[in-house]
């Protein structure tokens, strides 16, 4: 998926998700391994409510690949320099 489509797909129906996914797409997506880029693209097909629960660490995704990319996103937010 090209970067513009990814940025558009990262815009969700919840502000909380927008504030997580859009910066991740802009700042970290390009540095992911290809397999993790594919995981991210698949993650964007998930329902907002599930994304919210996973990204807020209220639940864990049952699928290990999904949980991997969720953890990568969470970790990206705790690195120095990130808000």
C-alpha atoms as a PDB file:
ATOM      1  CA  UNK A   1       0.000   0.000   0.000  1.00  0.00           C
ATOM      2  CA  UNK A   2       1.453   3.404  -0.817  1.00  0.00           C
ATOM      3  CA  UNK A   3       2.160   5.908   1.936  1.00  0.00           C
ATOM      4  CA  UNK A   4      -0.736   8.243   1.103  1.00  0.00           C
ATOM      5  CA  UNK A   5      -3.231   5.391   1.313  1.00  0.00           C
ATOM      6  CA  UNK A   6      -1.702   4.273   4.594  1.00  0.00           C
ATOM      7  CA  UNK A   7      -2.016   7.749   6.041  1.00  0.00           C
ATOM      8  CA  UNK A   8      -5.642   7.877   4.926  1.00  0.00           C
ATOM      9  CA  UNK A   9      -6.342   4.400   6.374  1.00  0.00           C
ATOM     10  CA  UNK A  10      -4.717   5.518   9.634  1.00  0.00           C
ATOM     11  CA  UNK A  11      -7.442   8.141  10.034  1.00  0.00           C
ATOM     12  CA  UNK A  12     -10.065   6.459  12.153  1.00  0.00           C
ATOM     13  CA  UNK A  13     -13.411   7.244  13.717  1.00  0.00           C
ATOM     14  CA  UNK A  14     -11.832   7.814  17.132  1.00  0.00           C
ATOM     15  CA  UNK A  15      -9.558  10.733  17.921  1.00  0.00           C
ATOM     16  CA  UNK A  16      -7.545   8.548  20.296  1.00  0.00           C
ATOM     17  CA  UNK A  17      -6.668   6.199  17.447  1.00  0.00           C
ATOM     18  CA  UNK A  18      -5.823   9.062  15.102  1.00  0.00           C
ATOM     19  CA  UNK A  19      -3.359  10.401  17.671  1.00  0.00           C
ATOM     20  CA  UNK A  20      -1.592   7.036  17.782  1.00  0.00           C
ATOM     21  CA  UNK A  21      -1.816   5.662  14.253  1.00  0.00           C
ATOM     22  CA  UNK A  22      -1.136   8.751  12.160  1.00  0.00           C
ATOM     23  CA  UNK A  23       2.153   9.656  13.883  1.00  0.00           C
ATOM     24  CA  UNK A  24       3.201   6.003  13.801  1.00  0.00           C
ATOM     25  CA  UNK A  25       2.574   5.862  10.053  1.00  0.00           C
ATOM     26  CA  UNK A  26       4.446   9.107   9.456  1.00  0.00           C
ATOM     27  CA  UNK A  27       7.401   8.448  11.755  1.00  0.00           C
ATOM     28  CA  UNK A  28       7.926   4.689  12.032  1.00  0.00           C
ATOM     29  CA  UNK A  29       6.241   2.753   9.225  1.00  0.00           C
ATOM     30  CA  UNK A  30       9.090   3.223   6.734  1.00  0.00           C
ATOM     31  CA  UNK A  31      11.637   1.780   9.155  1.00  0.00           C
ATOM     32  CA  UNK A  32       9.644  -1.429   9.777  1.00  0.00           C
ATOM     33  CA  UNK A  33      10.686  -4.724   8.259  1.00  0.00           C
ATOM     34  CA  UNK A  34       8.511  -5.675   5.299  1.00  0.00           C
ATOM     35  CA  UNK A  35       6.725  -8.368   7.312  1.00  0.00           C
ATOM     36  CA  UNK A  36       5.819  -5.822   9.998  1.00  0.00           C
ATOM     37  CA  UNK A  37       4.650  -3.356   7.347  1.00  0.00           C
ATOM     38  CA  UNK A  38       2.269  -6.047   6.123  1.00  0.00           C
ATOM     39  CA  UNK A  39       1.117  -6.677   9.690  1.00  0.00           C
ATOM     40  CA  UNK A  40       0.396  -2.960  10.055  1.00  0.00           C
ATOM     41  CA  UNK A  41      -1.606  -2.881   6.842  1.00  0.00           C
ATOM     42  CA  UNK A  42      -3.627  -5.861   8.079  1.00  0.00           C
ATOM     43  CA  UNK A  43      -4.104  -4.180  11.467  1.00  0.00           C
ATOM     44  CA  UNK A  44      -5.721  -1.198   9.769  1.00  0.00           C
ATOM     45  CA  UNK A  45      -8.487  -3.508   8.543  1.00  0.00           C
ATOM     46  CA  UNK A  46      -9.563  -4.202  12.140  1.00  0.00           C
ATOM     47  CA  UNK A  47     -12.502  -2.561  13.880  1.00  0.00           C
ATOM     48  CA  UNK A  48     -11.809   0.660  15.758  1.00  0.00           C
ATOM     49  CA  UNK A  49     -13.101  -0.736  19.034  1.00  0.00           C
ATOM     50  CA  UNK A  50     -10.640  -3.647  18.895  1.00  0.00           C
ATOM     51  CA  UNK A  51      -7.785  -1.333  17.949  1.00  0.00           C
ATOM     52  CA  UNK A  52      -8.616   0.909  20.873  1.00  0.00           C
ATOM     53  CA  UNK A  53      -8.657  -1.972  23.355  1.00  0.00           C
ATOM     54  CA  UNK A  54      -5.375  -3.383  22.055  1.00  0.00           C
ATOM     55  CA  UNK A  55      -3.518  -0.088  21.793  1.00  0.00           C
ATOM     56  CA  UNK A  56      -4.688   1.056  25.228  1.00  0.00           C
ATOM     57  CA  UNK A  57      -3.478  -2.302  26.598  1.00  0.00           C
ATOM     58  CA  UNK A  58      -6.924  -3.217  27.887  1.00  0.00           C
ATOM     59  CA  UNK A  59      -6.905  -6.467  25.904  1.00  0.00           C
ATOM     60  CA  UNK A  60      -4.402  -8.445  23.897  1.00  0.00           C
ATOM     61  CA  UNK A  61      -5.035  -9.503  20.348  1.00  0.00           C
ATOM     62  CA  UNK A  62      -5.505 -13.240  20.042  1.00  0.00           C
ATOM     63  CA  UNK A  63      -3.505 -13.399  16.812  1.00  0.00           C
ATOM     64  CA  UNK A  64       0.267 -13.303  17.537  1.00  0.00           C
ATOM     65  CA  UNK A  65       1.011 -11.286  14.381  1.00  0.00           C
ATOM     66  CA  UNK A  66      -1.553  -8.678  15.355  1.00  0.00           C
ATOM     67  CA  UNK A  67      -0.235  -8.559  18.898  1.00  0.00           C
ATOM     68  CA  UNK A  68       3.307  -8.103  17.542  1.00  0.00           C
ATOM     69  CA  UNK A  69       2.442  -4.988  15.538  1.00  0.00           C
ATOM     70  CA  UNK A  70       0.317  -3.610  18.388  1.00  0.00           C
ATOM     71  CA  UNK A  71       3.335  -3.954  20.678  1.00  0.00           C
ATOM     72  CA  UNK A  72       5.600  -2.274  18.114  1.00  0.00           C
ATOM     73  CA  UNK A  73       3.169   0.655  17.962  1.00  0.00           C
ATOM     74  CA  UNK A  74       2.975   0.869  21.756  1.00  0.00           C
ATOM     75  CA  UNK A  75       6.770   0.702  22.070  1.00  0.00           C
ATOM     76  CA  UNK A  76       7.172   3.472  19.484  1.00  0.00           C
ATOM     77  CA  UNK A  77       5.204   5.791  21.744  1.00  0.00           C
ATOM     78  CA  UNK A  78       7.505   5.256  24.744  1.00  0.00           C
ATOM     79  CA  UNK A  79      10.794   6.039  22.967  1.00  0.00           C
ATOM     80  CA  UNK A  80      12.483   9.299  23.954  1.00  0.00           C
ATOM     81  CA  UNK A  81      11.282  12.236  21.919  1.00  0.00           C
ATOM     82  CA  UNK A  82       7.757  10.837  21.417  1.00  0.00           C
ATOM     83  CA  UNK A  83       4.757  12.439  23.006  1.00  0.00           C
END
